[in-house]
Amino acid sequence: MNKEKNIFINDKVHDVPRDGNCLIWAIIVAYLEPVKTDNKKFKSRYIKLFDSDDNYEKIFNFSNFDFKNNKNLVSLFRTHICNYIEENLEKNRGENKAIFKSSLLDSDINKKNKELYPNNSEETQIKKTLEQMRKDANWCGSIEIEAICNILNCNIIRNNEKFEPDNQNTNDIIKLYYKNNHYQYYLTNNSVEINFSQSQNSINNQPITIINAISPLSINSENDDKNLELLKKDNIKLKYEIDDLKEQQYFANRRLDLEFNLLLKENEELISAKKYNKKLKYEIDDLKEQQYFANRRLDLEFNLLLKENEELNEKINSRDEVIQQYLNEQQNQFKKNQELNEKINSRDEVIQQYLNEQQNQLKKNQHSNTNKSDFTLKNLLESDNVWKDTKKMKKQLEEVNNENKELKKQIEEWKSIEHVVQEPRITDLENENEELKRKLHEKDKNMTSSPSFQHIESDLLNLQNLKSTANEYKPHSPKM
């Protein structure tokens, strides 16, 4: 059934392959074959068809031309046609001519696409229609013929229907014969006229009548041999038509299979898209749930932090109270130390005064030796009082030192407390206590290192000696 070579219905009508590209093949051959021996005209028409002159020499003069090996010409011309339509969608084409955009939206291809995708925009509909028109073996119709008229600037006659370019300024004609969804072409180089007086139905149902040609209906019935021969020719013609119908049915079935497979593929893509959308919906729900629990966890953690912060503030407040209490105690202790220091200073003055008196008395005793025993006893008694006062003063000094040690120990304990807000204040108190301790130590050192204190120690030794001597003179000691 696949007939790749030319099949002649009669002397002037020529057939092309029935591969879904019959209109493209018919236009190419009908446009180039009349000028196949004129290189310049052939090249000019070749460029109009394919928008390029690449490899035009291969088919020049149609020597060894074969449809199967030149299938690329169909793809080039189909692309040229679709590009022209896409570039001139909104172009005004003159009176009583619809723009290409409207024609595409009203096409059978777009109607089928709208049934499958009713929500597509006009732009998407046109895009999908042009994609379908660019595919190989896609059947071509009036839209493509109108575009071809403008591309080639020629008139095209399809049976009794005439198509003209938009500028309507040309004498070139391409004549097509269309029957049973298949295009064939006429050669116009011999200027043979086709009779278009018959109706469309008569053209589709009866053989073409060519002027000056013999019609099968004009046969003389008396001549049986001629009648038989004509019947045989009719049978052969019917056989060809039956074969053509079978081949058309084959390609129609093949096109339906392709469309069905395309629909199946699109349906699978739609199902896959629905599954993906469902999966995305589940993932979004999971993310929302995770976000919900994450927010709850954050709220709980935030409330816990607030509670801990409140507890910490309470601890800080209580610690501030304790620190304030401790500072008050330190201030009181500092006052006590100041009072004690004043007492010590006053005591130093008394001792210094006493020492001065003792020195003066000693000087007097050196010049006078009278009443030695009485003087000695008196000095002993006074020395005892001085000794007692000195011991008492040392004891007080020791108490002050012990208190300072205790204060230092408390300061060390408070230093070990973490995050104490009043730490600089405690440091200041510690420095004040250290300073007080240093001053007391210096006073103690100054007192012990002073000549007066050394004289007191020597006097005490002397008093001890005098006391032991006085014990020897106990009967002479005055009564207390």
Protein backbone atom coordinates (compact mmCIF):
# COMPACT_ATOMS: atom_id res chain seq x y z
CA MET A 1 0.00 0.00 0.00
CA ASN A 2 2.91 2.35 0.50
CA LYS A 3 3.45 3.89 -2.93
CA GLU A 4 6.50 6.13 -3.03
CA LYS A 5 6.57 6.63 -6.80
CA ASN A 6 4.30 8.97 -8.75
CA ILE A 7 0.89 7.52 -9.66
CA PHE A 8 -0.92 9.14 -12.57
CA ILE A 9 -4.69 9.24 -12.41
CA ASN A 10 -4.75 10.73 -15.88
CA ASP A 11 -2.49 12.75 -18.13
CA LYS A 12 -2.33 15.86 -15.92
CA VAL A 13 -3.15 14.92 -12.27
CA HIS A 14 -0.16 13.60 -10.29
CA ASP A 15 -0.12 11.85 -6.94
CA VAL A 16 2.22 12.26 -3.93
CA PRO A 17 2.94 10.01 -0.90
CA ARG A 18 0.10 9.48 1.52
CA ASP A 19 2.22 10.03 4.63
CA GLY A 20 0.26 12.89 6.23
CA ASN A 21 2.39 15.43 4.35
CA CYS A 22 0.50 15.24 1.01
CA LEU A 23 -0.29 18.99 0.86
CA ILE A 24 3.36 19.90 1.51
CA TRP A 25 4.59 17.46 -1.15
CA ALA A 26 2.00 18.66 -3.68
CA ILE A 27 2.94 22.34 -3.22
CA ILE A 28 6.71 21.65 -3.43
CA VAL A 29 6.53 19.58 -6.61
CA ALA A 30 3.82 21.69 -8.32
CA TYR A 31 5.81 24.87 -7.63
CA LEU A 32 9.25 23.60 -8.68
CA GLU A 33 8.55 21.17 -11.52
CA PRO A 34 7.40 23.81 -14.11
CA VAL A 35 10.81 25.57 -13.82
CA LYS A 36 12.98 22.50 -13.31
CA THR A 37 15.13 23.30 -16.38
CA ASP A 38 15.71 26.99 -15.51
CA ASN A 39 18.42 27.20 -12.89
CA LYS A 40 17.77 30.84 -11.97
CA LYS A 41 14.01 30.50 -11.57
CA PHE A 42 14.37 27.12 -9.85
CA LYS A 43 16.77 28.61 -7.28
CA SER A 44 14.47 31.63 -6.70
CA ARG A 45 11.45 29.40 -6.05
CA TYR A 46 13.53 27.05 -3.89
CA ILE A 47 14.50 29.99 -1.62
CA LYS A 48 10.83 31.07 -1.35
CA LEU A 49 9.86 27.55 -0.28
CA PHE A 50 12.59 26.80 2.22
CA ASP A 51 13.92 30.27 3.13
CA SER A 52 17.39 29.02 2.07
CA ASP A 53 19.27 27.81 -1.02
CA ASP A 54 21.17 25.02 0.74
CA ASN A 55 21.50 21.87 -1.40
CA TYR A 56 19.11 23.07 -4.08
CA GLU A 57 21.43 21.53 -6.70
CA LYS A 58 20.56 18.04 -5.47
CA ILE A 59 16.99 18.23 -6.76
CA PHE A 60 17.55 20.63 -9.68
CA ASN A 61 15.87 19.30 -12.85
CA PHE A 62 14.29 16.61 -10.60
CA SER A 63 16.92 14.17 -11.82
CA ASN A 64 16.77 11.04 -9.68
CA PHE A 65 14.22 12.76 -7.41
CA ASP A 66 12.83 10.51 -4.72
CA PHE A 67 10.27 11.43 -2.04
CA LYS A 68 11.70 9.16 0.62
CA ASN A 69 15.25 10.51 0.40
CA ASN A 70 14.09 14.16 0.40
CA LYS A 71 11.87 14.01 3.49
CA ASN A 72 13.89 16.86 5.00
CA LEU A 73 12.29 19.23 2.45
CA VAL A 74 8.90 18.62 4.08
CA SER A 75 10.27 19.49 7.53
CA LEU A 76 11.91 22.69 6.22
CA PHE A 77 8.77 23.88 4.38
CA ARG A 78 6.47 22.99 7.31
CA THR A 79 8.71 24.97 9.68
CA HIS A 80 8.73 27.93 7.28
CA ILE A 81 4.90 27.90 7.14
CA CYS A 82 4.46 27.72 10.94
CA ASN A 83 7.05 30.46 11.53
CA TYR A 84 5.22 32.73 9.09
CA ILE A 85 1.90 32.13 10.87
CA GLU A 86 3.46 32.74 14.30
CA GLU A 87 5.10 35.99 13.14
CA ASN A 88 1.86 37.32 11.59
CA LEU A 89 -0.76 36.26 14.16
CA GLU A 90 -2.19 39.76 14.63
CA LYS A 91 -1.56 41.08 11.10
CA ASN A 92 -4.56 42.58 9.31
CA ARG A 93 -5.04 40.52 6.15
CA GLY A 94 -7.56 42.71 4.38
CA GLU A 95 -11.29 42.63 3.87
CA ASN A 96 -13.19 39.37 4.49
CA LYS A 97 -10.04 37.63 5.72
CA ALA A 98 -9.66 36.51 9.32
CA ILE A 99 -6.36 37.05 11.09
CA PHE A 100 -4.29 33.92 11.69
CA LYS A 101 -4.87 34.12 15.45
CA SER A 102 -8.64 33.73 15.03
CA SER A 103 -8.17 30.94 12.50
CA LEU A 104 -5.93 29.00 14.89
CA LEU A 105 -8.39 29.40 17.77
CA ASP A 106 -11.21 28.06 15.53
CA SER A 107 -9.14 25.16 14.14
CA ASP A 108 -10.00 21.50 14.76
CA ILE A 109 -6.65 21.00 16.52
CA ASN A 110 -7.41 23.71 19.07
CA LYS A 111 -10.98 22.43 19.59
CA LYS A 112 -9.59 19.01 20.56
CA ASN A 113 -7.02 20.63 22.85
CA LYS A 114 -9.74 22.74 24.51
CA GLU A 115 -11.66 19.57 25.35
CA LEU A 116 -8.59 18.22 27.13
CA TYR A 117 -7.42 21.53 28.66
CA PRO A 118 -10.47 23.83 28.95
CA ASN A 119 -8.72 26.27 31.30
CA ASN A 120 -5.83 27.16 28.99
CA SER A 121 -5.42 30.81 28.02
CA GLU A 122 -5.59 31.91 24.36
CA GLU A 123 -1.82 32.33 24.28
CA THR A 124 -1.34 28.76 25.52
CA GLN A 125 -3.93 27.45 23.06
CA ILE A 126 -2.13 29.08 20.11
CA LYS A 127 1.22 27.80 21.33
CA LYS A 128 -0.03 24.20 21.62
CA THR A 129 -1.77 24.42 18.21
CA LEU A 130 1.44 25.59 16.51
CA GLU A 131 3.40 22.84 18.27
CA GLN A 132 0.98 20.27 16.84
CA MET A 133 1.18 21.84 13.35
CA ARG A 134 4.99 21.60 13.37
CA LYS A 135 4.92 17.83 13.90
CA ASP A 136 5.64 15.53 10.99
CA ALA A 137 2.61 13.91 9.30
CA ASN A 138 0.23 16.40 10.86
CA TRP A 139 -2.56 16.97 8.33
CA CYS A 140 -2.58 20.44 6.74
CA GLY A 141 -5.63 22.48 5.73
CA SER A 142 -6.89 25.92 4.78
CA ILE A 143 -4.78 27.83 7.35
CA GLU A 144 -1.57 26.44 5.90
CA ILE A 145 -2.76 27.10 2.30
CA GLU A 146 -3.47 30.77 3.12
CA ALA A 147 0.01 31.10 4.63
CA ILE A 148 1.57 29.41 1.58
CA CYS A 149 -0.17 31.91 -0.74
CA ASN A 150 1.56 34.78 1.08
CA ILE A 151 4.93 33.00 1.35
CA LEU A 152 5.08 32.14 -2.37
CA ASN A 153 2.98 35.14 -3.52
CA CYS A 154 0.82 32.95 -5.74
CA ASN A 155 -2.80 31.85 -6.13
CA ILE A 156 -3.77 28.32 -5.10
CA ILE A 157 -6.85 26.59 -6.48
CA ARG A 158 -8.19 23.59 -4.57
CA ASN A 159 -10.89 21.94 -6.70
CA ASN A 160 -13.39 24.80 -7.17
CA GLU A 161 -12.04 26.92 -4.25
CA LYS A 162 -9.54 29.72 -4.85
CA PHE A 163 -7.02 31.09 -2.30
CA GLU A 164 -5.26 34.41 -2.94
CA PRO A 165 -2.33 36.17 -1.26
CA ASP A 166 -3.09 39.22 0.85
CA ASN A 167 -1.61 41.65 -1.72
CA GLN A 168 -3.56 39.96 -4.61
CA ASN A 169 -0.87 40.97 -7.10
CA THR A 170 0.32 37.80 -8.84
CA ASN A 171 -0.40 35.61 -11.84
CA ASP A 172 1.28 32.45 -10.53
CA ILE A 173 -1.13 29.57 -9.93
CA ILE A 174 -0.82 26.23 -8.16
CA LYS A 175 -3.71 23.85 -8.87
CA LEU A 176 -4.55 21.13 -6.35
CA TYR A 177 -6.93 18.23 -6.56
CA TYR A 178 -8.39 17.24 -3.16
CA LYS A 179 -10.36 14.07 -2.55
CA ASN A 180 -10.84 11.70 0.38
CA ASN A 181 -8.53 13.74 2.65
CA HIS A 182 -5.68 13.52 0.13
CA TYR A 183 -4.04 16.22 -1.98
CA GLN A 184 -2.74 15.80 -5.54
CA TYR A 185 -1.47 18.39 -8.01
CA TYR A 186 -1.83 19.49 -11.64
CA LEU A 187 1.02 20.50 -13.91
CA THR A 188 0.28 23.93 -15.40
CA ASN A 189 3.08 24.21 -17.95
CA ASN A 190 0.74 23.14 -20.84
CA SER A 191 -2.04 25.53 -19.70
CA VAL A 192 -4.66 22.80 -19.56
CA GLU A 193 -7.84 24.21 -18.00
CA ILE A 194 -9.84 22.29 -15.42
CA ASN A 195 -13.66 22.45 -15.61
CA PHE A 196 -14.89 23.80 -12.24
CA SER A 197 -18.53 24.02 -13.33
CA GLN A 198 -19.36 20.85 -11.41
CA SER A 199 -20.32 20.97 -7.78
CA GLN A 200 -18.11 19.86 -4.94
CA ASN A 201 -20.11 16.65 -4.52
CA SER A 202 -19.71 15.78 -8.19
CA ILE A 203 -15.96 16.37 -7.96
CA ASN A 204 -15.66 14.14 -4.91
CA ASN A 205 -17.79 11.38 -6.37
CA GLN A 206 -16.99 11.40 -10.13
CA PRO A 207 -13.80 11.42 -12.18
CA ILE A 208 -12.35 14.81 -13.15
CA THR A 209 -13.51 15.98 -16.60
CA ILE A 210 -10.71 17.56 -18.59
CA ILE A 211 -11.55 19.67 -21.66
CA ASN A 212 -10.87 17.83 -24.95
CA ALA A 213 -10.43 14.60 -23.00
CA ILE A 214 -12.59 11.52 -23.58
CA SER A 215 -15.09 10.83 -20.81
CA PRO A 216 -16.08 7.26 -19.98
CA LEU A 217 -19.74 8.34 -20.31
CA SER A 218 -19.33 9.16 -24.05
CA ILE A 219 -18.58 5.58 -25.08
CA ASN A 220 -20.62 4.16 -27.95
CA SER A 221 -22.61 1.27 -26.55
CA GLU A 222 -22.64 -0.52 -29.91
CA ASN A 223 -18.96 -1.21 -29.78
CA ASP A 224 -18.67 -3.98 -27.19
CA ASP A 225 -14.92 -4.31 -27.37
CA LYS A 226 -14.38 -0.65 -26.62
CA ASN A 227 -17.01 -0.82 -23.89
CA LEU A 228 -15.23 -3.77 -22.32
CA GLU A 229 -11.90 -2.00 -22.47
CA LEU A 230 -13.40 1.06 -20.82
CA LEU A 231 -14.93 -1.10 -18.14
CA LYS A 232 -11.54 -2.65 -17.49
CA LYS A 233 -10.03 0.80 -17.18
CA ASP A 234 -12.84 1.75 -14.80
CA ASN A 235 -12.15 -1.38 -12.77
CA ILE A 236 -8.48 -0.53 -12.61
CA LYS A 237 -9.35 2.99 -11.58
CA LEU A 238 -11.74 1.68 -8.93
CA LYS A 239 -9.04 -0.65 -7.73
CA TYR A 240 -6.67 2.29 -7.36
CA GLU A 241 -9.35 4.22 -5.52
CA ILE A 242 -9.96 1.27 -3.19
CA ASP A 243 -6.22 1.04 -2.58
CA ASP A 244 -6.16 4.78 -1.93
CA LEU A 245 -9.03 4.45 0.52
CA LYS A 246 -7.25 1.59 2.30
CA GLU A 247 -4.07 3.60 2.46
CA GLN A 248 -5.97 6.64 3.72
CA GLN A 249 -7.60 4.45 6.34
CA TYR A 250 -4.17 3.12 7.31
CA PHE A 251 -2.72 6.59 7.78
CA ALA A 252 -5.91 7.76 9.50
CA ASN A 253 -5.63 4.83 11.92
CA ARG A 254 -1.96 5.57 12.38
CA ARG A 255 -2.72 9.22 13.12
CA LEU A 256 -5.45 8.18 15.56
CA ASP A 257 -2.97 5.83 17.25
CA LEU A 258 -0.46 8.63 17.55
CA GLU A 259 -3.08 10.96 18.96
CA PHE A 260 -4.28 8.24 21.32
CA ASN A 261 -0.71 7.59 22.50
CA LEU A 262 -0.25 11.32 22.93
CA LEU A 263 -3.42 11.49 24.99
CA LEU A 264 -2.27 8.50 27.05
CA LYS A 265 1.07 10.17 27.65
CA GLU A 266 -0.60 13.44 28.63
CA ASN A 267 -2.99 11.50 30.88
CA GLU A 268 -0.03 9.76 32.53
CA GLU A 269 1.66 13.12 33.02
CA LEU A 270 -1.58 14.47 34.50
CA ILE A 271 -1.85 11.48 36.87
CA SER A 272 1.81 11.89 37.79
CA ALA A 273 1.25 15.60 38.41
CA LYS A 274 -1.76 14.81 40.61
CA LYS A 275 0.28 12.28 42.59
CA TYR A 276 3.08 14.82 42.95
CA ASN A 277 0.61 17.48 44.08
CA LYS A 278 -0.85 15.02 46.59
CA LYS A 279 2.64 14.25 47.84
CA LEU A 280 3.38 17.95 48.13
CA LYS A 281 0.15 18.41 50.06
CA TYR A 282 1.15 15.67 52.52
CA GLU A 283 4.61 17.22 52.88
CA ILE A 284 3.05 20.64 53.51
CA ASP A 285 0.75 19.11 56.15
CA ASP A 286 3.76 17.45 57.78
CA LEU A 287 5.65 20.73 57.76
CA LYS A 288 2.67 22.52 59.30
CA GLU A 289 2.43 19.87 62.02
CA GLN A 290 6.16 20.09 62.68
CA GLN A 291 5.88 23.86 62.84
CA TYR A 292 2.97 23.57 65.29
CA PHE A 293 4.91 21.30 67.66
CA ALA A 294 8.03 23.39 67.24
CA ASN A 295 6.06 26.50 68.23
CA ARG A 296 4.61 24.68 71.23
CA ARG A 297 8.07 23.55 72.30
CA LEU A 298 9.38 27.09 71.92
CA ASP A 299 6.48 28.41 74.00
CA LEU A 300 7.21 25.89 76.76
CA GLU A 301 10.91 26.72 76.70
CA PHE A 302 10.11 30.43 76.76
CA ASN A 303 7.79 30.01 79.77
CA LEU A 304 10.46 27.93 81.51
CA LEU A 305 13.04 30.63 80.85
CA LEU A 306 10.64 33.25 82.21
CA LYS A 307 10.14 31.18 85.36
CA GLU A 308 13.90 30.69 85.76
CA ASN A 309 14.42 34.39 85.22
CA GLU A 310 11.89 35.21 87.93
CA GLU A 311 13.59 32.78 90.34
CA LEU A 312 16.96 34.29 89.50
CA ASN A 313 15.60 37.79 90.11
CA GLU A 314 14.27 36.64 93.48
CA LYS A 315 17.65 35.14 94.36
CA ILE A 316 19.39 38.34 93.27
CA ASN A 317 17.00 40.42 95.37
CA SER A 318 17.49 38.20 98.42
CA ARG A 319 21.25 38.27 97.86
CA ASP A 320 21.10 42.04 97.60
CA GLU A 321 19.37 42.13 100.98
CA VAL A 322 22.00 39.86 102.51
CA ILE A 323 24.77 41.95 100.95
CA GLN A 324 23.16 45.13 102.24
CA GLN A 325 22.92 43.58 105.69
CA TYR A 326 26.56 42.52 105.48
CA LEU A 327 27.58 46.01 104.37
CA ASN A 328 25.72 47.51 107.30
CA GLU A 329 27.54 45.14 109.66
CA GLN A 330 30.83 46.07 108.05
CA GLN A 331 30.06 49.73 108.46
CA ASN A 332 29.27 49.17 112.13
CA GLN A 333 32.45 47.20 112.54
CA PHE A 334 34.36 49.93 110.79
CA LYS A 335 32.95 52.45 113.23
CA LYS A 336 33.96 50.21 116.12
CA ASN A 337 37.46 49.96 114.69
CA GLN A 338 37.61 53.72 114.37
CA GLU A 339 36.56 54.10 118.01
CA LEU A 340 39.14 51.52 119.03
CA ASN A 341 41.75 53.34 117.01
CA GLU A 342 40.87 56.56 118.79
CA LYS A 343 41.18 54.79 122.13
CA ILE A 344 44.54 53.41 121.10
CA ASN A 345 45.68 56.87 120.05
CA SER A 346 44.51 58.33 123.35
CA ARG A 347 46.21 55.45 125.17
CA ASP A 348 49.41 56.21 123.28
CA GLU A 349 49.26 59.75 124.47
CA VAL A 350 48.73 58.61 128.07
CA ILE A 351 51.60 56.16 127.82
CA GLN A 352 53.82 58.80 126.28
CA GLN A 353 52.92 61.20 129.05
CA TYR A 354 53.56 58.49 131.63
CA LEU A 355 56.94 57.70 130.12
CA ASN A 356 57.90 61.32 130.17
CA GLU A 357 56.96 61.52 133.80
CA GLN A 358 58.93 58.35 134.55
CA GLN A 359 61.97 59.75 132.84
CA ASN A 360 61.72 62.90 134.84
CA GLN A 361 61.27 60.91 137.99
CA LEU A 362 64.23 58.72 137.20
CA LYS A 363 66.37 61.79 136.73
CA LYS A 364 65.30 63.07 140.10
CA ASN A 365 65.99 59.71 141.74
CA GLN A 366 69.47 59.68 140.34
CA HIS A 367 70.29 62.91 142.25
CA SER A 368 68.62 61.87 145.42
CA ASN A 369 69.30 58.63 147.22
CA THR A 370 67.10 59.29 150.17
CA ASN A 371 64.06 57.30 150.92
CA LYS A 372 65.21 54.74 148.43
CA SER A 373 63.05 51.95 149.68
CA ASP A 374 59.93 54.05 149.71
CA PHE A 375 60.66 55.35 146.23
CA THR A 376 61.30 51.84 145.03
CA LEU A 377 58.04 50.51 146.42
CA LYS A 378 56.12 53.41 145.01
CA ASN A 379 57.68 52.85 141.62
CA LEU A 380 56.92 49.17 141.88
CA LEU A 381 53.30 49.85 142.53
CA GLU A 382 53.12 52.31 139.69
CA SER A 383 55.03 49.94 137.42
CA ASP A 384 52.50 47.22 138.20
CA ASN A 385 49.74 49.51 137.03
CA VAL A 386 51.66 50.37 133.87
CA TRP A 387 52.33 46.72 133.22
CA LYS A 388 48.69 45.89 133.63
CA ASP A 389 47.67 48.73 131.30
CA THR A 390 50.22 47.61 128.73
CA LYS A 391 48.98 44.02 128.88
CA LYS A 392 45.44 45.22 128.50
CA MET A 393 46.41 47.33 125.52
CA LYS A 394 48.13 44.33 123.85
CA LYS A 395 45.11 42.19 124.52
CA GLN A 396 42.93 44.79 122.82
CA LEU A 397 45.33 44.82 119.90
CA GLU A 398 45.06 41.05 119.64
CA GLU A 399 41.29 41.30 119.69
CA VAL A 400 41.40 43.85 116.89
CA ASN A 401 43.65 41.53 114.88
CA ASN A 402 41.32 38.61 115.49
CA GLU A 403 38.35 40.69 114.40
CA ASN A 404 40.21 41.70 111.26
CA LYS A 405 40.98 38.05 110.55
CA GLU A 406 37.35 37.17 111.03
CA LEU A 407 36.35 39.98 108.67
CA LYS A 408 38.83 38.75 106.10
CA LYS A 409 37.47 35.22 106.39
CA GLN A 410 33.91 36.50 105.84
CA ILE A 411 35.07 38.51 102.83
CA GLU A 412 36.66 35.39 101.33
CA GLU A 413 33.41 33.50 101.86
CA TRP A 414 31.42 36.24 100.12
CA LYS A 415 33.89 36.23 97.27
CA SER A 416 33.06 32.58 96.56
CA ILE A 417 29.37 33.45 95.99
CA GLU A 418 28.62 33.49 92.19
CA HIS A 419 26.97 36.30 90.33
CA VAL A 420 26.95 38.74 93.23
CA VAL A 421 25.64 42.04 91.94
CA GLN A 422 27.30 44.08 94.73
CA GLU A 423 30.76 42.53 94.23
CA PRO A 424 32.46 45.92 93.64
CA ARG A 425 31.03 47.16 96.95
CA ILE A 426 32.38 44.10 98.80
CA THR A 427 35.76 44.70 97.17
CA ASP A 428 35.70 48.27 98.43
CA LEU A 429 34.89 47.08 101.96
CA GLU A 430 37.69 44.56 101.78
CA ASN A 431 40.07 47.27 100.68
CA GLU A 432 38.87 49.48 103.55
CA ASN A 433 39.42 46.63 106.05
CA GLU A 434 42.86 45.95 104.61
CA GLU A 435 43.67 49.61 104.92
CA LEU A 436 42.43 49.63 108.53
CA LYS A 437 44.48 46.55 109.32
CA ARG A 438 47.53 48.13 107.72
CA LYS A 439 47.08 51.30 109.77
CA LEU A 440 46.72 49.29 113.02
CA HIS A 441 49.79 47.26 112.14
CA GLU A 442 51.75 50.42 111.43
CA LYS A 443 50.63 51.92 114.72
CA ASP A 444 51.56 48.75 116.54
CA LYS A 445 54.92 48.74 114.79
CA ASN A 446 55.48 52.41 115.45
CA MET A 447 54.56 51.96 119.06
CA THR A 448 56.84 48.95 119.57
CA SER A 449 59.67 50.55 117.63
CA SER A 450 59.36 53.95 119.30
CA PRO A 451 62.03 54.88 121.90
CA SER A 452 59.32 55.42 124.46
CA PHE A 453 58.09 51.84 124.16
CA GLN A 454 61.66 50.58 124.32
CA HIS A 455 62.15 52.67 127.46
CA ILE A 456 58.97 51.11 128.83
CA GLU A 457 60.33 47.64 128.20
CA SER A 458 63.63 48.55 129.84
CA ASP A 459 61.72 50.17 132.67
CA LEU A 460 59.62 47.05 133.06
CA LEU A 461 62.79 44.99 133.31
CA ASN A 462 64.07 47.44 135.85
CA LEU A 463 60.77 47.25 137.68
CA GLN A 464 61.01 43.47 137.79
CA ASN A 465 64.49 43.78 139.20
CA LEU A 466 63.32 46.38 141.67
CA LYS A 467 60.40 44.13 142.60
CA SER A 468 62.73 41.26 143.34
CA THR A 469 64.88 43.66 145.36
CA ALA A 470 61.80 44.97 147.11
CA ASN A 471 60.87 41.46 148.13
CA GLU A 472 64.11 41.42 150.04
CA TYR A 473 63.02 44.62 151.80
CA LYS A 474 59.44 43.52 152.34
CA PRO A 475 59.30 44.54 155.99
CA HIS A 476 60.12 48.10 154.98
CA SER A 477 57.35 48.28 152.23
CA PRO A 478 54.44 50.59 152.96
CA LYS A 479 51.09 49.13 153.67
CA MET A 480 48.60 49.17 150.82
